[in-house]
Amino acid sequence: MAPRVWVVTGASSGFGLELCKIIAGHGERVIAASRSPAKMAALPGVVTARLDHNEPLPQVQAAMKDIINIYGTVDVLINNAAYVQTGTVEETTPEDTLKQFQANTFGPINVYRAILPHMRQKRSGTLVTIGTMAAHYSLLSCNMYNASKAALRRLTLGMADEIKDLGVRHCLIDPGFFRTQLLNPDANMAATTRGNRFPDYAKVNATADSNFGAFNGHQAGDPVKGAAIIYDVVTSSGSAAGQELPGFMALGSDAVKEIIDGSQQTIDDVKKWESIGIQCALDE
């Protein structure tokens, strides 16, 4: 069997970079997509390509056409690019709100709009969305990120139902905290400016700033091990040998705990108000 062709977005660092290394290490063909491929270090078995999912859809489609033409096909696409916007909902400007949703929701969906015609035509392909455990709960001064990823979660899970009969598979993976550059304030984080912050939120922002500073560089998750598990799950090999591709999985012990706890809280809230909430049927 010929090696599969994989496209990984957000491939310049973190999970994206480690995934490229892991996939290429298995003899697969890898296309590492990023906004600035010229800045990426050369990796054995990895070809770089430019893809900026924040550009309008026609540009994303043109970039994807060029990517497909590298090997004539794409078998697996991992949608990984994202960044974190911090700040309270009120303080975050409409412009920064739109940028967060563009990067974490609208852009990734446009990537799928660009690749799906190719996969539908050949009636095969696998899409992998890298989400986050944060999509399952709220977090002080980080709810733009959480909400943008929650929206991506619902859109991609719904999309999976729409494409499953067309030969295209989808898996959503929600990681916990991994020791990548995602929480690096000089890399993949943006914050409300001091001038936009209100005194009433001083304690909330101070706590959030302190927490993120403490998290960065001390995350428990190993991105190399995480990337290896993602490869196994997508290929039904190694630790996932014989297992079908899941529609969704949590990655990391913290993700498992937080997602279970968040889901249980929702169940508890529904049950607590069930007797009142059901009293609204028409009297017929």
C-alpha atoms as a PDB file:
ATOM      1  CA  MET A   1       0.000   0.000   0.000  1.00  0.00           C
ATOM      2  CA  ALA A   2       1.329   3.439  -0.952  1.00  0.00           C
ATOM      3  CA  PRO A   3       2.074   5.827   1.924  1.00  0.00           C
ATOM      4  CA  ARG A   4      -0.841   8.055   2.844  1.00  0.00           C
ATOM      5  CA  VAL A   5      -0.666  11.786   2.309  1.00  0.00           C
ATOM      6  CA  TRP A   6      -1.277  13.857   5.449  1.00  0.00           C
ATOM      7  CA  VAL A   7      -1.798  17.604   5.758  1.00  0.00           C
ATOM      8  CA  VAL A   8      -1.225  19.169   9.179  1.00  0.00           C
ATOM      9  CA  THR A   9      -2.204  22.804   9.758  1.00  0.00           C
ATOM     10  CA  GLY A  10      -0.544  24.972  12.390  1.00  0.00           C
ATOM     11  CA  ALA A  11       2.539  22.821  11.823  1.00  0.00           C
ATOM     12  CA  SER A  12       5.214  25.286  12.901  1.00  0.00           C
ATOM     13  CA  SER A  13       5.099  24.371  16.612  1.00  0.00           C
ATOM     14  CA  GLY A  14       3.379  22.349  19.317  1.00  0.00           C
ATOM     15  CA  PHE A  15       1.110  19.462  18.377  1.00  0.00           C
ATOM     16  CA  GLY A  16       1.351  20.344  14.698  1.00  0.00           C
ATOM     17  CA  LEU A  17       5.126  20.059  14.635  1.00  0.00           C
ATOM     18  CA  GLU A  18       5.215  16.886  16.718  1.00  0.00           C
ATOM     19  CA  LEU A  19       2.520  15.309  14.555  1.00  0.00           C
ATOM     20  CA  CYS A  20       4.572  15.999  11.431  1.00  0.00           C
ATOM     21  CA  LYS A  21       7.585  14.268  12.981  1.00  0.00           C
ATOM     22  CA  ILE A  22       5.592  11.278  14.197  1.00  0.00           C
ATOM     23  CA  ILE A  23       3.708  10.783  10.924  1.00  0.00           C
ATOM     24  CA  ALA A  24       6.834  11.117   8.772  1.00  0.00           C
ATOM     25  CA  GLY A  25       8.622   8.715  11.106  1.00  0.00           C
ATOM     26  CA  HIS A  26       6.117   6.059  10.086  1.00  0.00           C
ATOM     27  CA  GLY A  27       7.044   6.487   6.436  1.00  0.00           C
ATOM     28  CA  GLU A  28       3.967   8.504   5.542  1.00  0.00           C
ATOM     29  CA  ARG A  29       4.028  11.581   3.293  1.00  0.00           C
ATOM     30  CA  VAL A  30       3.478  14.789   5.257  1.00  0.00           C
ATOM     31  CA  ILE A  31       2.605  18.297   4.121  1.00  0.00           C
ATOM     32  CA  ALA A  32       3.202  20.777   6.931  1.00  0.00           C
ATOM     33  CA  ALA A  33       0.961  23.794   6.371  1.00  0.00           C
ATOM     34  CA  SER A  34       1.512  27.148   8.029  1.00  0.00           C
ATOM     35  CA  ARG A  35       1.258  30.865   7.360  1.00  0.00           C
ATOM     36  CA  SER A  36       5.030  31.186   7.051  1.00  0.00           C
ATOM     37  CA  PRO A  37       6.472  27.901   5.762  1.00  0.00           C
ATOM     38  CA  ALA A  38       9.819  29.550   4.962  1.00  0.00           C
ATOM     39  CA  LYS A  39      10.409  29.922   8.714  1.00  0.00           C
ATOM     40  CA  MET A  40       9.983  26.204   9.378  1.00  0.00           C
ATOM     41  CA  ALA A  41      13.047  24.040   9.867  1.00  0.00           C
ATOM     42  CA  ALA A  42      13.511  21.228   7.358  1.00  0.00           C
ATOM     43  CA  LEU A  43      12.249  17.855   8.566  1.00  0.00           C
ATOM     44  CA  PRO A  44      12.938  14.476   6.933  1.00  0.00           C
ATOM     45  CA  GLY A  45       9.942  13.309   4.917  1.00  0.00           C
ATOM     46  CA  VAL A  46       8.044  16.588   5.383  1.00  0.00           C
ATOM     47  CA  VAL A  47       7.110  19.059   2.646  1.00  0.00           C
ATOM     48  CA  THR A  48       6.034  22.549   3.672  1.00  0.00           C
ATOM     49  CA  ALA A  49       3.183  24.557   2.158  1.00  0.00           C
ATOM     50  CA  ARG A  50       1.566  27.902   2.786  1.00  0.00           C
ATOM     51  CA  LEU A  51      -1.954  27.967   4.185  1.00  0.00           C
ATOM     52  CA  ASP A  52      -3.456  30.844   6.145  1.00  0.00           C
ATOM     53  CA  HIS A  53      -6.954  29.859   7.179  1.00  0.00           C
ATOM     54  CA  ASN A  54      -7.675  33.445   8.235  1.00  0.00           C
ATOM     55  CA  GLU A  55      -7.742  34.532   4.605  1.00  0.00           C
ATOM     56  CA  PRO A  56     -11.029  34.626   2.657  1.00  0.00           C
ATOM     57  CA  LEU A  57     -12.359  31.271   1.465  1.00  0.00           C
ATOM     58  CA  PRO A  58     -11.255  31.705  -2.210  1.00  0.00           C
ATOM     59  CA  GLN A  59      -7.634  32.101  -1.057  1.00  0.00           C
ATOM     60  CA  VAL A  60      -7.916  29.116   1.260  1.00  0.00           C
ATOM     61  CA  GLN A  61      -9.353  27.079  -1.617  1.00  0.00           C
ATOM     62  CA  ALA A  62      -6.522  28.150  -3.928  1.00  0.00           C
ATOM     63  CA  ALA A  63      -3.923  27.232  -1.307  1.00  0.00           C
ATOM     64  CA  MET A  64      -5.587  23.844  -0.782  1.00  0.00           C
ATOM     65  CA  LYS A  65      -5.564  23.195  -4.527  1.00  0.00           C
ATOM     66  CA  ASP A  66      -1.799  23.781  -4.526  1.00  0.00           C
ATOM     67  CA  ILE A  67      -1.438  21.450  -1.535  1.00  0.00           C
ATOM     68  CA  ILE A  68      -3.438  18.687  -3.222  1.00  0.00           C
ATOM     69  CA  ASN A  69      -1.308  19.057  -6.351  1.00  0.00           C
ATOM     70  CA  ILE A  70       1.902  18.286  -4.416  1.00  0.00           C
ATOM     71  CA  TYR A  71       1.125  14.547  -4.386  1.00  0.00           C
ATOM     72  CA  GLY A  72      -2.108  14.522  -6.370  1.00  0.00           C
ATOM     73  CA  THR A  73      -4.222  13.632  -3.352  1.00  0.00           C
ATOM     74  CA  VAL A  74      -4.770  14.166   0.374  1.00  0.00           C
ATOM     75  CA  ASP A  75      -5.828  11.256   2.570  1.00  0.00           C
ATOM     76  CA  VAL A  76      -5.784  12.777   6.069  1.00  0.00           C
ATOM     77  CA  LEU A  77      -6.096  16.408   7.160  1.00  0.00           C
ATOM     78  CA  ILE A  78      -5.429  17.459  10.741  1.00  0.00           C
ATOM     79  CA  ASN A  79      -6.945  20.856  11.579  1.00  0.00           C
ATOM     80  CA  ASN A  80      -4.745  22.124  14.365  1.00  0.00           C
ATOM     81  CA  ALA A  81      -4.069  25.890  14.119  1.00  0.00           C
ATOM     82  CA  ALA A  82      -5.433  28.087  16.950  1.00  0.00           C
ATOM     83  CA  TYR A  83      -4.545  30.736  19.512  1.00  0.00           C
ATOM     84  CA  VAL A  84      -5.838  31.863  22.926  1.00  0.00           C
ATOM     85  CA  GLN A  85      -7.536  35.221  23.556  1.00  0.00           C
ATOM     86  CA  THR A  86      -7.722  36.148  27.225  1.00  0.00           C
ATOM     87  CA  GLY A  87      -9.783  38.862  28.909  1.00  0.00           C
ATOM     88  CA  THR A  88     -13.343  39.060  30.178  1.00  0.00           C
ATOM     89  CA  VAL A  89     -16.225  39.009  27.722  1.00  0.00           C
ATOM     90  CA  GLU A  90     -17.123  42.662  28.353  1.00  0.00           C
ATOM     91  CA  GLU A  91     -13.568  43.921  28.015  1.00  0.00           C
ATOM     92  CA  THR A  92     -12.731  42.041  24.825  1.00  0.00           C
ATOM     93  CA  THR A  93     -13.395  44.277  21.839  1.00  0.00           C
ATOM     94  CA  PRO A  94     -15.698  43.206  19.001  1.00  0.00           C
ATOM     95  CA  GLU A  95     -12.655  43.221  16.724  1.00  0.00           C
ATOM     96  CA  ASP A  96     -10.688  40.873  18.989  1.00  0.00           C
ATOM     97  CA  THR A  97     -13.768  38.695  19.418  1.00  0.00           C
ATOM     98  CA  LEU A  98     -14.090  38.323  15.656  1.00  0.00           C
ATOM     99  CA  LYS A  99     -10.361  37.569  15.307  1.00  0.00           C
ATOM    100  CA  GLN A 100     -10.645  34.812  17.918  1.00  0.00           C
ATOM    101  CA  PHE A 101     -13.607  33.174  16.215  1.00  0.00           C
ATOM    102  CA  GLN A 102     -12.007  33.623  12.804  1.00  0.00           C
ATOM    103  CA  ALA A 103      -8.864  31.799  13.890  1.00  0.00           C
ATOM    104  CA  ASN A 104     -10.489  29.085  15.994  1.00  0.00           C
ATOM    105  CA  THR A 105     -13.866  28.528  14.312  1.00  0.00           C
ATOM    106  CA  PHE A 106     -14.475  30.114  10.912  1.00  0.00           C
ATOM    107  CA  GLY A 107     -10.960  29.502   9.580  1.00  0.00           C
ATOM    108  CA  PRO A 108     -10.854  25.775  10.403  1.00  0.00           C
ATOM    109  CA  ILE A 109     -14.307  25.326   8.863  1.00  0.00           C
ATOM    110  CA  ASN A 110     -13.082  27.027   5.686  1.00  0.00           C
ATOM    111  CA  VAL A 111     -10.194  24.553   5.587  1.00  0.00           C
ATOM    112  CA  TYR A 112     -12.775  21.770   5.560  1.00  0.00           C
ATOM    113  CA  ARG A 113     -14.782  23.572   2.879  1.00  0.00           C
ATOM    114  CA  ALA A 114     -11.601  23.654   0.808  1.00  0.00           C
ATOM    115  CA  ILE A 115     -10.640  19.970   1.195  1.00  0.00           C
ATOM    116  CA  LEU A 116     -14.054  18.294   1.226  1.00  0.00           C
ATOM    117  CA  PRO A 117     -14.748  18.550  -2.525  1.00  0.00           C
ATOM    118  CA  HIS A 118     -11.554  16.540  -3.132  1.00  0.00           C
ATOM    119  CA  MET A 119     -12.448  13.916  -0.529  1.00  0.00           C
ATOM    120  CA  ARG A 120     -16.070  13.693  -1.637  1.00  0.00           C
ATOM    121  CA  GLN A 121     -14.982  13.180  -5.221  1.00  0.00           C
ATOM    122  CA  LYS A 122     -12.791  10.206  -4.341  1.00  0.00           C
ATOM    123  CA  ARG A 123     -15.210   9.026  -1.635  1.00  0.00           C
ATOM    124  CA  SER A 124     -12.481   8.643   0.956  1.00  0.00           C
ATOM    125  CA  GLY A 125     -10.573  10.711   3.472  1.00  0.00           C
ATOM    126  CA  THR A 126     -10.120  11.409   7.154  1.00  0.00           C
ATOM    127  CA  LEU A 127     -10.528  14.745   8.924  1.00  0.00           C
ATOM    128  CA  VAL A 128      -9.159  15.312  12.425  1.00  0.00           C
ATOM    129  CA  THR A 129     -10.077  18.377  14.470  1.00  0.00           C
ATOM    130  CA  ILE A 130      -7.823  19.308  17.375  1.00  0.00           C
ATOM    131  CA  GLY A 131     -10.152  20.914  19.884  1.00  0.00           C
ATOM    132  CA  THR A 132      -9.662  21.420  23.614  1.00  0.00           C
ATOM    133  CA  MET A 133     -11.090  20.297  26.921  1.00  0.00           C
ATOM    134  CA  ALA A 134     -11.872  23.994  27.466  1.00  0.00           C
ATOM    135  CA  ALA A 135     -14.792  23.638  25.057  1.00  0.00           C
ATOM    136  CA  HIS A 136     -16.628  21.796  27.840  1.00  0.00           C
ATOM    137  CA  TYR A 137     -16.604  24.475  30.536  1.00  0.00           C
ATOM    138  CA  SER A 138     -16.245  28.195  31.202  1.00  0.00           C
ATOM    139  CA  LEU A 139     -13.060  29.792  32.511  1.00  0.00           C
ATOM    140  CA  LEU A 140     -12.647  33.236  33.985  1.00  0.00           C
ATOM    141  CA  SER A 141     -11.054  35.668  31.546  1.00  0.00           C
ATOM    142  CA  CYS A 142     -10.696  33.021  28.823  1.00  0.00           C
ATOM    143  CA  ASN A 143     -14.231  32.539  27.598  1.00  0.00           C
ATOM    144  CA  MET A 144     -13.624  33.824  24.077  1.00  0.00           C
ATOM    145  CA  TYR A 145     -11.226  30.946  23.500  1.00  0.00           C
ATOM    146  CA  ASN A 146     -13.497  28.418  25.183  1.00  0.00           C
ATOM    147  CA  ALA A 147     -16.548  29.600  23.240  1.00  0.00           C
ATOM    148  CA  SER A 148     -14.753  29.630  19.882  1.00  0.00           C
ATOM    149  CA  LYS A 149     -13.605  26.072  20.452  1.00  0.00           C
ATOM    150  CA  ALA A 150     -17.054  25.024  21.702  1.00  0.00           C
ATOM    151  CA  ALA A 151     -18.532  26.389  18.469  1.00  0.00           C
ATOM    152  CA  LEU A 152     -15.943  24.459  16.459  1.00  0.00           C
ATOM    153  CA  ARG A 153     -16.812  21.338  18.441  1.00  0.00           C
ATOM    154  CA  ARG A 154     -20.512  21.527  17.600  1.00  0.00           C
ATOM    155  CA  LEU A 155     -19.902  22.420  13.954  1.00  0.00           C
ATOM    156  CA  THR A 156     -17.461  19.586  13.330  1.00  0.00           C
ATOM    157  CA  LEU A 157     -19.503  16.967  15.170  1.00  0.00           C
ATOM    158  CA  GLY A 158     -22.505  18.024  13.099  1.00  0.00           C
ATOM    159  CA  MET A 159     -20.424  18.016   9.921  1.00  0.00           C
ATOM    160  CA  ALA A 160     -19.271  14.484  10.726  1.00  0.00           C
ATOM    161  CA  ASP A 161     -22.872  13.275  10.536  1.00  0.00           C
ATOM    162  CA  GLU A 162     -23.301  15.036   7.185  1.00  0.00           C
ATOM    163  CA  ILE A 163     -20.235  13.481   5.527  1.00  0.00           C
ATOM    164  CA  LYS A 164     -20.145   9.980   7.016  1.00  0.00           C
ATOM    165  CA  ASP A 165     -22.095   8.437   4.123  1.00  0.00           C
ATOM    166  CA  LEU A 166     -19.730  10.060   1.589  1.00  0.00           C
ATOM    167  CA  GLY A 167     -16.714   8.001   2.574  1.00  0.00           C
ATOM    168  CA  VAL A 168     -15.191  10.759   4.710  1.00  0.00           C
ATOM    169  CA  ARG A 169     -14.449  10.126   8.381  1.00  0.00           C
ATOM    170  CA  HIS A 170     -14.040  12.695  11.141  1.00  0.00           C
ATOM    171  CA  CYS A 171     -12.550  12.572  14.627  1.00  0.00           C
ATOM    172  CA  LEU A 172     -12.604  15.370  17.198  1.00  0.00           C
ATOM    173  CA  ILE A 173      -9.778  15.209  19.725  1.00  0.00           C
ATOM    174  CA  ASP A 174     -10.012  17.427  22.795  1.00  0.00           C
ATOM    175  CA  PRO A 175      -6.625  17.656  24.521  1.00  0.00           C
ATOM    176  CA  GLY A 176      -5.940  18.880  28.011  1.00  0.00           C
ATOM    177  CA  PHE A 177      -2.884  20.931  28.987  1.00  0.00           C
ATOM    178  CA  PHE A 178       0.177  19.843  26.999  1.00  0.00           C
ATOM    179  CA  ARG A 179       3.592  21.433  27.225  1.00  0.00           C
ATOM    180  CA  THR A 180       3.441  23.329  23.936  1.00  0.00           C
ATOM    181  CA  GLN A 181       3.681  27.029  23.087  1.00  0.00           C
ATOM    182  CA  LEU A 182      -0.111  27.521  23.207  1.00  0.00           C
ATOM    183  CA  LEU A 183       0.052  29.394  26.534  1.00  0.00           C
ATOM    184  CA  ASN A 184       3.223  31.307  25.696  1.00  0.00           C
ATOM    185  CA  PRO A 185       2.265  35.008  25.879  1.00  0.00           C
ATOM    186  CA  ASP A 186       4.868  35.754  23.194  1.00  0.00           C
ATOM    187  CA  ALA A 187       3.573  33.098  20.802  1.00  0.00           C
ATOM    188  CA  ASN A 188      -0.042  31.925  20.740  1.00  0.00           C
ATOM    189  CA  MET A 189      -1.787  34.132  23.287  1.00  0.00           C
ATOM    190  CA  ALA A 190      -3.419  37.540  23.017  1.00  0.00           C
ATOM    191  CA  ALA A 191      -4.744  39.591  25.924  1.00  0.00           C
ATOM    192  CA  THR A 192      -6.934  42.596  26.453  1.00  0.00           C
ATOM    193  CA  THR A 193      -4.820  45.739  26.761  1.00  0.00           C
ATOM    194  CA  ARG A 194      -4.480  47.512  30.088  1.00  0.00           C
ATOM    195  CA  GLY A 195      -6.399  50.432  28.621  1.00  0.00           C
ATOM    196  CA  ASN A 196      -9.383  48.174  27.879  1.00  0.00           C
ATOM    197  CA  ARG A 197      -9.512  46.648  31.337  1.00  0.00           C
ATOM    198  CA  PHE A 198     -12.072  47.829  33.873  1.00  0.00           C
ATOM    199  CA  PRO A 199     -11.297  48.143  37.596  1.00  0.00           C
ATOM    200  CA  ASP A 200     -14.274  45.923  38.466  1.00  0.00           C
ATOM    201  CA  TYR A 201     -12.515  43.003  36.770  1.00  0.00           C
ATOM    202  CA  ALA A 202      -9.104  43.638  38.318  1.00  0.00           C
ATOM    203  CA  LYS A 203      -9.256  40.603  40.609  1.00  0.00           C
ATOM    204  CA  VAL A 204     -10.554  38.305  37.861  1.00  0.00           C
ATOM    205  CA  ASN A 205      -7.849  39.397  35.432  1.00  0.00           C
ATOM    206  CA  ALA A 206      -5.086  39.220  38.022  1.00  0.00           C
ATOM    207  CA  THR A 207      -6.093  35.669  38.923  1.00  0.00           C
ATOM    208  CA  ALA A 208      -6.265  34.617  35.269  1.00  0.00           C
ATOM    209  CA  ASP A 209      -2.929  36.232  34.414  1.00  0.00           C
ATOM    210  CA  SER A 210      -1.300  34.518  37.369  1.00  0.00           C
ATOM    211  CA  ASN A 211      -2.819  31.131  36.514  1.00  0.00           C
ATOM    212  CA  PHE A 212      -1.790  31.236  32.874  1.00  0.00           C
ATOM    213  CA  GLY A 213       1.702  32.300  33.871  1.00  0.00           C
ATOM    214  CA  ALA A 214       1.886  29.357  36.261  1.00  0.00           C
ATOM    215  CA  PHE A 215       0.489  26.889  33.703  1.00  0.00           C
ATOM    216  CA  ASN A 216       2.896  27.845  30.921  1.00  0.00           C
ATOM    217  CA  GLY A 217       5.905  25.552  30.907  1.00  0.00           C
ATOM    218  CA  HIS A 218       4.437  23.322  33.604  1.00  0.00           C
ATOM    219  CA  GLN A 219       1.707  21.496  31.701  1.00  0.00           C
ATOM    220  CA  ALA A 220       1.656  17.793  32.528  1.00  0.00           C
ATOM    221  CA  GLY A 221       0.962  16.547  29.006  1.00  0.00           C
ATOM    222  CA  ASP A 222       3.815  15.390  26.764  1.00  0.00           C
ATOM    223  CA  PRO A 223       3.102  16.606  23.191  1.00  0.00           C
ATOM    224  CA  VAL A 224       5.289  13.854  21.688  1.00  0.00           C
ATOM    225  CA  LYS A 225       3.291  11.133  23.443  1.00  0.00           C
ATOM    226  CA  GLY A 226       0.052  12.940  22.588  1.00  0.00           C
ATOM    227  CA  ALA A 227       0.986  13.155  18.910  1.00  0.00           C
ATOM    228  CA  ALA A 228       1.888   9.464  18.879  1.00  0.00           C
ATOM    229  CA  ILE A 229      -1.527   8.570  20.320  1.00  0.00           C
ATOM    230  CA  ILE A 230      -3.275  10.732  17.724  1.00  0.00           C
ATOM    231  CA  TYR A 231      -1.411   8.885  14.964  1.00  0.00           C
ATOM    232  CA  ASP A 232      -2.338   5.511  16.481  1.00  0.00           C
ATOM    233  CA  VAL A 233      -5.997   6.474  16.806  1.00  0.00           C
ATOM    234  CA  VAL A 234      -6.268   7.768  13.235  1.00  0.00           C
ATOM    235  CA  THR A 235      -4.497   4.710  11.775  1.00  0.00           C
ATOM    236  CA  SER A 236      -5.973   2.096  14.154  1.00  0.00           C
ATOM    237  CA  SER A 237      -2.454   0.976  15.002  1.00  0.00           C
ATOM    238  CA  GLY A 238      -0.148   0.799  18.014  1.00  0.00           C
ATOM    239  CA  SER A 239      -2.043   1.665  21.199  1.00  0.00           C
ATOM    240  CA  ALA A 240      -5.297   1.800  19.191  1.00  0.00           C
ATOM    241  CA  ALA A 241      -4.723  -1.342  17.102  1.00  0.00           C
ATOM    242  CA  GLY A 242      -8.002  -2.865  15.955  1.00  0.00           C
ATOM    243  CA  GLN A 243     -10.075   0.090  17.167  1.00  0.00           C
ATOM    244  CA  GLU A 244     -12.390   2.014  14.852  1.00  0.00           C
ATOM    245  CA  LEU A 245     -11.833   5.751  14.539  1.00  0.00           C
ATOM    246  CA  PRO A 246     -13.818   7.430  17.335  1.00  0.00           C
ATOM    247  CA  GLY A 247     -16.066  10.379  16.633  1.00  0.00           C
ATOM    248  CA  PHE A 248     -14.611  12.042  19.725  1.00  0.00           C
ATOM    249  CA  MET A 249     -11.955  11.382  22.318  1.00  0.00           C
ATOM    250  CA  ALA A 250     -10.337  13.220  25.227  1.00  0.00           C
ATOM    251  CA  LEU A 251      -6.540  13.352  25.240  1.00  0.00           C
ATOM    252  CA  GLY A 252      -4.750  13.600  28.572  1.00  0.00           C
ATOM    253  CA  SER A 253      -5.773  12.625  32.088  1.00  0.00           C
ATOM    254  CA  ASP A 254      -6.804  16.207  32.875  1.00  0.00           C
ATOM    255  CA  ALA A 255      -9.000  16.314  29.771  1.00  0.00           C
ATOM    256  CA  VAL A 256     -10.715  13.076  30.761  1.00  0.00           C
ATOM    257  CA  LYS A 257     -11.449  14.417  34.253  1.00  0.00           C
ATOM    258  CA  GLU A 258     -12.543  17.912  33.210  1.00  0.00           C
ATOM    259  CA  ILE A 259     -14.815  16.693  30.412  1.00  0.00           C
ATOM    260  CA  ILE A 260     -16.452  14.107  32.669  1.00  0.00           C
ATOM    261  CA  ASP A 261     -16.910  16.704  35.420  1.00  0.00           C
ATOM    262  CA  GLY A 262     -18.326  19.271  32.989  1.00  0.00           C
ATOM    263  CA  SER A 263     -20.727  16.761  31.487  1.00  0.00           C
ATOM    264  CA  GLN A 264     -21.844  15.626  34.924  1.00  0.00           C
ATOM    265  CA  GLN A 265     -22.488  19.235  35.977  1.00  0.00           C
ATOM    266  CA  THR A 266     -24.790  19.662  32.981  1.00  0.00           C
ATOM    267  CA  ILE A 267     -26.661  16.471  33.856  1.00  0.00           C
ATOM    268  CA  ASP A 268     -26.979  17.591  37.485  1.00  0.00           C
ATOM    269  CA  ASP A 269     -28.338  21.007  36.460  1.00  0.00           C
ATOM    270  CA  VAL A 270     -30.912  19.479  34.120  1.00  0.00           C
ATOM    271  CA  LYS A 271     -32.093  17.012  36.741  1.00  0.00           C
ATOM    272  CA  LYS A 272     -32.257  19.676  39.470  1.00  0.00           C
ATOM    273  CA  TRP A 273     -34.725  21.765  37.443  1.00  0.00           C
ATOM    274  CA  GLU A 274     -36.397  18.913  35.585  1.00  0.00           C
ATOM    275  CA  SER A 275     -39.664  18.988  37.536  1.00  0.00           C
ATOM    276  CA  ILE A 276     -40.150  22.671  36.718  1.00  0.00           C
ATOM    277  CA  GLY A 277     -38.711  22.622  33.222  1.00  0.00           C
ATOM    278  CA  ILE A 278     -41.147  19.980  31.954  1.00  0.00           C
ATOM    279  CA  GLN A 279     -44.271  21.921  33.012  1.00  0.00           C
ATOM    280  CA  CYS A 280     -44.767  23.735  29.716  1.00  0.00           C
ATOM    281  CA  ALA A 281     -46.536  21.312  27.370  1.00  0.00           C
ATOM    282  CA  LEU A 282     -49.758  22.345  25.687  1.00  0.00           C
ATOM    283  CA  ASP A 283     -52.900  21.107  27.458  1.00  0.00           C
ATOM    284  CA  GLU A 284     -54.373  18.913  24.738  1.00  0.00           C
END
